[in-house]
Protein backbone atom coordinates (compact mmCIF):
# COMPACT_ATOMS: atom_id res chain seq x y z
CA UNK A 1 119.36 -51.56 165.54
CA UNK A 2 118.23 -48.21 164.04
CA UNK A 3 121.80 -46.93 164.18
CA UNK A 4 123.03 -49.88 162.10
CA UNK A 5 120.19 -49.52 159.60
CA UNK A 6 120.75 -45.81 159.02
CA UNK A 7 124.47 -46.33 158.59
CA UNK A 8 123.79 -49.05 156.01
CA UNK A 9 121.22 -46.79 154.36
CA UNK A 10 123.89 -44.14 153.87
CA UNK A 11 126.12 -46.76 152.25
CA UNK A 12 123.27 -47.92 149.99
CA UNK A 13 122.85 -44.34 148.79
CA UNK A 14 126.44 -44.10 147.53
CA UNK A 15 126.87 -43.39 143.81
CA UNK A 16 127.48 -46.81 142.27
CA UNK A 17 129.13 -45.75 138.99
CA UNK A 18 131.69 -43.27 140.29
CA UNK A 19 134.44 -44.76 138.12
CA UNK A 20 132.43 -44.24 134.91
CA UNK A 21 131.50 -40.72 135.95
CA UNK A 22 135.08 -39.82 136.80
CA UNK A 23 136.21 -41.14 133.42
CA UNK A 24 133.61 -39.01 131.61
CA UNK A 25 134.65 -35.87 133.50
CA UNK A 26 138.31 -36.59 132.78
CA UNK A 27 137.86 -37.31 129.08
CA UNK A 28 135.73 -34.22 128.44
CA UNK A 29 138.22 -32.07 130.36
CA UNK A 30 141.21 -33.54 128.50
CA UNK A 31 139.61 -32.90 125.12
CA UNK A 32 138.66 -29.29 125.91
CA UNK A 33 142.09 -28.59 127.40
CA UNK A 34 143.68 -29.81 124.20
CA UNK A 35 141.62 -27.42 122.07
CA UNK A 36 141.63 -24.35 124.33
CA UNK A 37 144.71 -24.57 126.58
CA UNK A 38 147.15 -26.72 124.55
CA UNK A 39 147.25 -29.12 127.49
CA UNK A 40 146.57 -32.82 128.05
CA UNK A 41 145.46 -32.42 131.66
CA UNK A 42 142.38 -34.36 132.78
CA UNK A 43 141.70 -32.04 135.72
CA UNK A 44 142.95 -28.49 135.01
CA UNK A 45 140.39 -25.76 134.24
CA UNK A 46 137.52 -28.07 135.17
CA UNK A 47 135.24 -27.92 138.21
CA UNK A 48 132.70 -30.53 139.21
CA UNK A 49 129.58 -28.71 140.40
CA UNK A 50 125.96 -29.57 141.14
CA UNK A 51 125.10 -32.32 143.63
CA UNK A 52 128.05 -34.45 142.54
CA UNK A 53 130.45 -31.56 143.13
CA UNK A 54 128.86 -30.84 146.52
CA UNK A 55 129.06 -34.59 147.34
CA UNK A 56 125.33 -34.91 147.96
CA UNK A 57 124.44 -37.01 144.90
CA UNK A 58 123.00 -40.49 145.40
CA UNK A 59 122.85 -43.82 143.60
CA UNK A 60 121.75 -43.61 139.95
CA UNK A 61 122.36 -39.86 139.74
CA UNK A 62 121.36 -38.88 136.20
CA UNK A 63 122.27 -35.20 135.89
CA UNK A 64 125.92 -34.20 136.32
CA UNK A 65 127.37 -30.73 135.98
CA UNK A 66 130.79 -29.29 135.29
CA UNK A 67 132.24 -25.87 134.59
CA UNK A 68 135.04 -25.60 132.07
CA UNK A 69 137.08 -22.43 132.40
CA UNK A 70 138.07 -20.85 129.10
CA UNK A 71 140.88 -18.35 128.38
CA UNK A 72 139.98 -14.66 128.37
CA UNK A 73 141.01 -14.41 124.72
CA UNK A 74 138.12 -16.72 123.84
CA UNK A 75 135.66 -14.36 125.51
CA UNK A 76 137.22 -11.40 123.69
CA UNK A 77 136.60 -13.22 120.42
CA UNK A 78 133.09 -14.64 120.91
CA UNK A 79 131.71 -11.58 122.71
CA UNK A 80 132.27 -9.58 119.53
CA UNK A 81 130.15 -11.94 117.44
CA UNK A 82 127.07 -10.06 116.25
CA UNK A 83 124.86 -13.06 115.63
CA UNK A 84 124.56 -14.76 119.06
CA UNK A 85 128.08 -15.26 120.37
CA UNK A 86 126.97 -17.62 123.18
CA UNK A 87 125.39 -19.92 120.61
CA UNK A 88 128.59 -19.94 118.57
CA UNK A 89 130.63 -20.80 121.67
CA UNK A 90 128.31 -23.69 122.52
CA UNK A 91 128.73 -25.05 119.00
CA UNK A 92 132.51 -24.82 119.33
CA UNK A 93 132.42 -26.71 122.63
CA UNK A 94 130.03 -29.24 121.11
CA UNK A 95 132.32 -29.91 118.17
CA UNK A 96 135.32 -30.31 120.46
CA UNK A 97 133.53 -32.88 122.66
CA UNK A 98 132.05 -34.57 119.59
CA UNK A 99 135.59 -35.21 118.34
CA UNK A 100 136.15 -37.32 121.47
CA UNK A 101 132.68 -38.92 121.46
CA UNK A 102 131.63 -39.17 117.78
CA UNK A 103 128.86 -41.71 118.49
CA UNK A 104 127.42 -39.94 121.54
CA UNK A 105 124.54 -37.46 121.52
CA UNK A 106 126.02 -34.00 122.20
CA UNK A 107 123.77 -30.92 122.05
CA UNK A 108 123.96 -27.24 122.94
CA UNK A 109 121.13 -26.13 125.20
CA UNK A 110 120.83 -22.55 126.42
CA UNK A 111 123.87 -22.16 128.64
CA UNK A 112 125.37 -25.65 128.48
CA UNK A 113 126.49 -28.45 126.21
CA UNK A 114 124.73 -31.69 127.16
CA UNK A 115 126.64 -34.94 126.69
CA UNK A 116 124.33 -37.97 126.97
CA UNK A 117 125.95 -41.14 128.32
CA UNK A 118 123.00 -43.52 128.45
CA UNK A 119 122.17 -43.64 132.17
CA UNK A 120 123.41 -40.10 132.87
CA UNK A 121 124.21 -36.81 131.17
CA UNK A 122 127.03 -34.35 131.77
CA UNK A 123 126.11 -30.70 131.34
CA UNK A 124 129.20 -28.67 130.47
CA UNK A 125 129.05 -24.95 131.23
CA UNK A 126 131.77 -23.02 129.35
CA UNK A 127 132.63 -20.04 131.53
CA UNK A 128 135.20 -17.32 132.26
CA UNK A 129 136.74 -16.81 135.69
CA UNK A 130 136.37 -13.28 137.10
CA UNK A 131 138.52 -11.37 139.60
CA UNK A 132 135.99 -11.90 142.42
CA UNK A 133 136.01 -15.69 141.96
CA UNK A 134 132.73 -15.82 140.07
CA UNK A 135 132.25 -17.36 136.64
CA UNK A 136 130.73 -15.45 133.75
CA UNK A 137 128.87 -17.47 131.16
CA UNK A 138 126.66 -17.00 128.13
CA UNK A 139 123.03 -17.75 127.41
CA UNK A 140 122.08 -18.50 123.81
CA UNK A 141 118.36 -17.88 124.39
CA UNK A 142 116.62 -14.74 123.13
CA UNK A 143 119.42 -13.69 120.81
CA UNK A 144 122.24 -14.37 123.27
CA UNK A 145 123.65 -12.57 126.31
CA UNK A 146 126.71 -12.61 128.59
CA UNK A 147 125.13 -11.18 131.76
CA UNK A 148 125.16 -14.38 133.79
CA UNK A 149 127.34 -15.15 136.81
CA UNK A 150 127.65 -17.98 139.32
CA UNK A 151 129.72 -18.68 142.44
CA UNK A 152 129.93 -22.47 142.73
CA UNK A 153 133.14 -22.51 144.78
CA UNK A 154 131.53 -20.36 147.47
CA UNK A 155 128.49 -22.67 147.50
CA UNK A 156 130.67 -25.77 147.88
CA UNK A 157 132.76 -24.08 150.58
CA UNK A 158 129.69 -23.01 152.58
CA UNK A 159 128.22 -26.53 152.50
CA UNK A 160 131.57 -28.07 153.46
CA UNK A 161 132.02 -25.69 156.38
CA UNK A 162 128.68 -26.47 158.01
CA UNK A 163 128.99 -30.16 157.14
CA UNK A 164 132.31 -30.32 159.01
CA UNK A 165 130.83 -28.51 162.02
CA UNK A 166 127.84 -30.89 162.29
CA UNK A 167 129.84 -34.13 162.12
CA UNK A 168 129.11 -34.69 158.39
CA UNK A 169 125.39 -34.97 159.04
CA UNK A 170 124.46 -32.29 156.48
CA UNK A 171 125.57 -34.28 153.44
CA UNK A 172 124.25 -37.56 154.81
CA UNK A 173 120.81 -36.09 155.48
CA UNK A 174 120.74 -34.32 152.09
CA UNK A 175 121.25 -37.71 150.45
CA UNK A 176 118.47 -39.28 152.52
CA UNK A 177 116.07 -36.47 151.62
CA UNK A 178 116.88 -37.13 147.95
CA UNK A 179 115.87 -40.78 148.39
CA UNK A 180 112.59 -39.68 149.98
CA UNK A 181 111.73 -37.15 147.29
CA UNK A 182 112.41 -39.65 144.52
CA UNK A 183 110.11 -42.25 146.12
CA UNK A 184 107.26 -39.87 146.99
CA UNK A 185 107.46 -37.45 144.07
CA UNK A 186 108.32 -34.29 146.00
CA UNK A 187 109.18 -31.63 143.43
CA UNK A 188 112.58 -30.49 144.68
CA UNK A 189 115.82 -29.90 142.81
CA UNK A 190 119.07 -31.12 144.33
CA UNK A 191 120.13 -27.52 144.91
CA UNK A 192 116.91 -26.79 146.78
CA UNK A 193 117.38 -29.84 149.02
CA UNK A 194 120.97 -28.87 149.79
CA UNK A 195 119.93 -25.28 150.48
CA UNK A 196 117.15 -26.20 152.91
CA UNK A 197 119.18 -28.90 154.69
CA UNK A 198 122.05 -26.40 154.94
CA UNK A 199 119.65 -23.87 156.52
CA UNK A 200 118.50 -26.47 159.05
CA UNK A 201 122.04 -27.26 160.24
CA UNK A 202 123.23 -23.67 159.99
CA UNK A 203 120.58 -22.55 162.46
CA UNK A 204 120.45 -25.71 164.59
CA UNK A 205 123.38 -27.07 166.59
CA UNK A 206 121.43 -29.84 168.38
CA UNK A 207 122.93 -32.53 166.15
CA UNK A 208 126.47 -31.21 165.81
CA UNK A 209 127.97 -34.02 167.91
CA UNK A 210 125.43 -36.70 166.95
CA UNK A 211 125.74 -39.67 164.64
CA UNK A 212 123.57 -42.53 163.35
CA UNK A 213 122.10 -43.37 166.75
CA UNK A 214 120.27 -40.02 166.69
CA UNK A 215 119.03 -40.29 163.10
CA UNK A 216 115.46 -41.34 163.96
CA UNK A 217 114.99 -38.01 165.81
CA UNK A 218 117.05 -36.12 163.22
CA UNK A 219 114.95 -37.46 160.35
CA UNK A 220 111.74 -36.47 162.15
CA UNK A 221 113.09 -32.98 162.80
CA UNK A 222 114.36 -32.39 159.27
CA UNK A 223 111.00 -33.38 157.76
CA UNK A 224 109.18 -31.18 160.28
CA UNK A 225 111.51 -28.35 159.25
CA UNK A 226 110.71 -28.89 155.55
CA UNK A 227 106.98 -29.15 156.27
CA UNK A 228 107.02 -25.77 157.99
CA UNK A 229 108.84 -23.87 155.25
CA UNK A 230 106.67 -21.11 153.77
CA UNK A 231 105.53 -21.44 150.19
CA UNK A 232 107.73 -19.08 148.18
CA UNK A 233 109.13 -18.85 144.66
CA UNK A 234 112.81 -19.12 145.53
CA UNK A 235 115.40 -19.60 148.28
CA UNK A 236 118.93 -18.23 148.59
CA UNK A 237 121.73 -20.70 147.96
CA UNK A 238 124.43 -21.15 150.62
CA UNK A 239 127.56 -19.10 150.04
CA UNK A 240 126.43 -17.34 146.87
CA UNK A 241 122.89 -16.12 147.71
CA UNK A 242 121.90 -17.11 144.18
CA UNK A 243 118.19 -17.72 143.72
CA UNK A 244 117.13 -21.37 143.89
CA UNK A 245 113.72 -21.76 142.29
CA UNK A 246 110.90 -23.79 143.83
CA UNK A 247 109.36 -26.14 141.26
CA UNK A 248 106.41 -27.38 143.30
CA UNK A 249 104.90 -27.79 146.75
CA UNK A 250 106.84 -30.25 148.89
CA UNK A 251 105.49 -29.23 152.31
CA UNK A 252 102.47 -31.55 152.45
CA UNK A 253 104.53 -34.63 151.64
CA UNK A 254 107.21 -33.59 154.13
CA UNK A 255 104.55 -33.26 156.83
CA UNK A 256 103.36 -36.78 156.09
CA UNK A 257 106.97 -38.06 156.30
CA UNK A 258 107.48 -36.30 159.65
CA UNK A 259 104.34 -37.95 161.06
CA UNK A 260 105.48 -41.37 159.87
CA UNK A 261 108.93 -40.78 161.37
CA UNK A 262 107.31 -40.03 164.72
CA UNK A 263 105.26 -43.20 164.31
CA UNK A 264 108.50 -45.13 163.81
CA UNK A 265 109.99 -43.54 166.93
CA UNK A 266 106.95 -44.60 168.93
CA UNK A 267 106.84 -48.17 167.56
CA UNK A 268 107.59 -50.87 170.12
CA UNK A 269 109.50 -53.33 167.91
CA UNK A 270 112.30 -53.13 165.36
CA UNK A 271 110.37 -54.82 162.54
CA UNK A 272 107.65 -52.17 162.67
CA UNK A 273 110.23 -49.38 162.84
CA UNK A 274 112.05 -50.77 159.81
CA UNK A 275 108.81 -51.04 157.82
CA UNK A 276 107.94 -47.41 158.57
CA UNK A 277 111.42 -46.15 157.64
CA UNK A 278 111.15 -48.05 154.35
CA UNK A 279 107.77 -46.44 153.71
CA UNK A 280 109.50 -43.06 154.04
CA UNK A 281 112.70 -43.79 152.15
CA UNK A 282 111.80 -46.65 149.84
CA UNK A 283 113.74 -49.75 148.80
CA UNK A 284 117.20 -48.32 149.43
CA UNK A 285 116.52 -48.40 153.15
CA UNK A 286 117.86 -51.79 154.35
CA UNK A 287 115.84 -54.64 155.73
CA UNK A 288 116.15 -55.79 159.34
CA UNK A 289 116.81 -59.34 158.22
CA UNK A 290 119.84 -58.64 156.04
CA UNK A 291 120.88 -55.09 156.88
CA UNK A 292 121.72 -54.69 153.20
CA UNK A 293 120.14 -53.47 150.01
CA UNK A 294 116.90 -55.27 149.30
CA UNK A 295 114.84 -55.38 146.15
CA UNK A 296 113.38 -52.72 143.92
CA UNK A 297 116.89 -52.30 143.19
CA UNK A 298 116.22 -55.80 143.91
CA UNK A 299 112.53 -55.13 144.79
CA UNK A 300 110.25 -54.44 147.70
CA UNK A 301 110.32 -57.27 150.19
CA UNK A 302 106.75 -58.54 149.85
CA UNK A 303 106.24 -57.90 146.15
CA UNK A 304 105.12 -60.48 143.66
CA UNK A 305 107.44 -61.22 140.79
CA UNK A 306 104.88 -59.63 138.46
CA UNK A 307 105.55 -56.16 139.85
CA UNK A 308 107.87 -53.82 137.98
CA UNK A 309 109.69 -50.86 139.50
CA UNK A 310 110.46 -47.59 137.79
CA UNK A 311 113.81 -47.56 139.61
CA UNK A 312 114.82 -50.73 137.77
CA UNK A 313 113.88 -49.34 134.37
CA UNK A 314 114.92 -45.67 134.44
CA UNK A 315 116.98 -43.26 136.52
CA UNK A 316 114.74 -41.39 138.99
CA UNK A 317 115.41 -37.73 139.72
CA UNK A 318 112.19 -35.96 140.73
CA UNK A 319 112.30 -32.33 139.58
CA UNK A 320 108.67 -31.50 138.83
CA UNK A 321 105.21 -31.76 140.32
CA UNK A 322 102.64 -34.39 139.39
CA UNK A 323 99.27 -34.94 141.03
CA UNK A 324 96.72 -37.60 140.11
CA UNK A 325 93.16 -38.25 141.22
CA UNK A 326 90.22 -40.38 140.15
CA UNK A 327 86.49 -40.25 139.53
CA UNK A 328 84.15 -42.95 140.85
CA UNK A 329 81.06 -43.93 138.86
CA UNK A 330 78.37 -46.58 139.27
CA UNK A 331 75.92 -47.61 136.55
CA UNK A 332 77.00 -44.62 134.51
CA UNK A 333 76.41 -42.10 137.30
CA UNK A 334 79.19 -40.07 138.90
CA UNK A 335 79.61 -40.78 142.63
CA UNK A 336 82.78 -39.03 143.80
CA UNK A 337 86.06 -37.37 142.83
CA UNK A 338 89.02 -38.41 145.01
CA UNK A 339 92.46 -36.81 145.38
CA UNK A 340 94.25 -36.76 148.73
CA UNK A 341 93.57 -40.15 150.31
CA UNK A 342 95.12 -39.25 153.64
CA UNK A 343 92.31 -36.71 154.08
CA UNK A 344 89.27 -38.55 152.73
CA UNK A 345 90.20 -42.25 152.78
CA UNK A 346 86.84 -43.73 151.74
CA UNK A 347 86.53 -47.48 151.29
CA UNK A 348 85.18 -47.98 147.79
CA UNK A 349 82.34 -50.35 147.02
CA UNK A 350 82.61 -53.19 144.52
CA UNK A 351 81.40 -52.78 140.95
CA UNK A 352 82.51 -49.16 140.57
CA UNK A 353 84.23 -47.72 137.51
CA UNK A 354 87.34 -45.70 138.27
CA UNK A 355 88.76 -43.09 135.92
CA UNK A 356 92.26 -42.00 136.97
CA UNK A 357 93.46 -38.70 135.58
CA UNK A 358 96.21 -36.10 135.89
CA UNK A 359 95.16 -33.22 138.13
CA UNK A 360 98.36 -31.23 137.69
CA UNK A 361 101.68 -31.73 135.90
CA UNK A 362 104.30 -29.00 135.37
CA UNK A 363 106.83 -31.08 133.42
CA UNK A 364 107.71 -29.24 130.19
CA UNK A 365 106.60 -31.13 127.09
CA UNK A 366 107.51 -33.39 125.41
CA UNK A 367 107.44 -36.24 127.90
CA UNK A 368 106.24 -39.83 128.28
CA UNK A 369 103.80 -41.05 130.92
CA UNK A 370 103.53 -44.48 132.57
CA UNK A 371 100.95 -45.97 134.95
CA UNK A 372 101.08 -48.83 137.46
CA UNK A 373 98.17 -50.58 139.18
CA UNK A 374 99.15 -52.64 142.22
CA UNK A 375 96.62 -54.88 143.95
CA UNK A 376 97.44 -55.72 147.57
CA UNK A 377 96.08 -58.41 149.90
CA UNK A 378 95.19 -62.08 150.16
CA UNK A 379 92.40 -61.88 147.59
CA UNK A 380 94.77 -60.39 145.01
CA UNK A 381 97.26 -63.17 145.68
CA UNK A 382 94.64 -65.93 145.52
CA UNK A 383 93.24 -64.55 142.27
CA UNK A 384 96.77 -64.14 140.86
CA UNK A 385 95.94 -60.47 140.31
CA UNK A 386 98.85 -58.72 142.02
CA UNK A 387 99.60 -56.93 138.73
CA UNK A 388 102.13 -54.09 139.11
CA UNK A 389 103.38 -53.91 135.53
CA UNK A 390 104.42 -50.55 134.07
CA UNK A 391 101.95 -49.46 131.37
CA UNK A 392 102.49 -46.72 128.82
CA UNK A 393 99.87 -43.99 128.68
CA UNK A 394 97.92 -43.91 125.41
CA UNK A 395 98.17 -40.12 125.16
CA UNK A 396 94.98 -39.39 127.10
CA UNK A 397 96.70 -38.92 130.48
CA UNK A 398 93.98 -41.20 131.85
CA UNK A 399 93.56 -44.78 133.04
CA UNK A 400 90.30 -46.71 133.40
CA UNK A 401 89.89 -49.45 136.02
CA UNK A 402 87.12 -51.22 137.98
CA UNK A 403 86.71 -52.21 141.64
CA UNK A 404 86.57 -56.00 141.25
CA UNK A 405 87.74 -57.24 144.67
CA UNK A 406 88.67 -55.86 148.05
CA UNK A 407 92.04 -54.84 149.38
CA UNK A 408 94.27 -51.86 150.05
CA UNK A 409 95.37 -51.22 146.45
CA UNK A 410 97.19 -48.28 144.87
CA UNK A 411 97.89 -46.64 141.52
CA UNK A 412 101.09 -44.81 140.58
CA UNK A 413 101.87 -42.50 137.68
CA UNK A 414 105.30 -41.55 136.33
CA UNK A 415 106.51 -38.89 133.90
CA UNK A 416 109.67 -39.60 131.89
CA UNK A 417 111.68 -36.87 130.20
CA UNK A 418 114.77 -37.90 128.24
CA UNK A 419 114.32 -41.37 129.75
CA UNK A 420 114.59 -40.03 133.32
CA UNK A 421 111.64 -40.21 135.73
CA UNK A 422 111.27 -36.55 136.72
CA UNK A 423 107.81 -36.65 138.36
CA UNK A 424 105.66 -39.27 140.06
CA UNK A 425 102.57 -39.57 142.24
CA UNK A 426 100.69 -42.32 144.04
CA UNK A 427 97.11 -42.58 145.18
CA UNK A 428 95.61 -45.21 147.49
CA UNK A 429 92.60 -47.21 146.28
CA UNK A 430 91.09 -49.05 149.30
CA UNK A 431 88.22 -51.34 148.24
CA UNK A 432 85.86 -52.91 150.77
CA UNK A 433 86.19 -56.68 151.22
CA UNK A 434 82.50 -57.44 150.82
């Protein structure tokens, strides 16, 4: 049964709007080719990069990347500009794309031109191919510079080589880790996930001939591998050895996922196993009953119809770190401050005031914050107090609640930037039944 579920999970993770994305890539490429190469090609001089180019993107991917190769004569011209040549080039590229998409938001931003297509953006990097296969590109920040290089083809080639050797497990696992990080708020970029999963398979041949039947053990081992990575500022990308920055601490959450994976392996029935895998991977992991996608993109199986899901409202691509906690007070007196529930796990008494707050958030401002309070258990159902609606923060980065009835409740917090959920955290709120 697990083999079937993991295979369906991989299918559920597939990018759903590939046709729209392909059209956007093609139209941008065609327009730029017309202006810079006197060509109508929809593919020439364009390279899909990032997770989509490495074929590790998942459903509802929101951030797409492409490199557009420009003629050397363009570099000769813009590199002589005294007042920030990179900025001038970005404005040229912006105007060219704007001619194709006059009603779409198109902005220059540092090294790229960002084209916003509602549910996703395409970041276009104008660059110049070098003799060694690298691309040289500009940076409009701090007065402008041209001392930037990248090697995306070598990165793609390195990933493809190991992926082929390990029976395509690298890309499949990288997609599954993305689903986990988006559900649990692990601050990891797509490039960091691909780098670390690549390192796992590069140095480990145990799963080279394995397929979905071995995924329960593989998932446990990959999360154990992530949990045991040292805390460091950057990692070296496959193929290029470019620095891949770490945006937050993912190890603690990976350790928790590894423990839950082992719990699933040890479970004595398929229903329990499925529940535990869904706790790790979220609603995209299929249900035992149907073997297909179940709700929160349709919604969690046991949820009330009052509950809302961030996945249904906004693209989710966790890039930053968010941590929440809460203070407990009774009759105006402070009783406790609670953060990591898996360590302390106290059952709260009734009649307490709870003040939820942001402990840490490294998302660059401006951003929007949402909260969700979800009451769980028979009492919540009887009282018609499941709740679960998404609530906008009032600007205080705080939420006030009260322990009114028992149950194993939880609170979640989300940070939206440019309408994408880029950080999230959840804290358990277990309240005694009497």
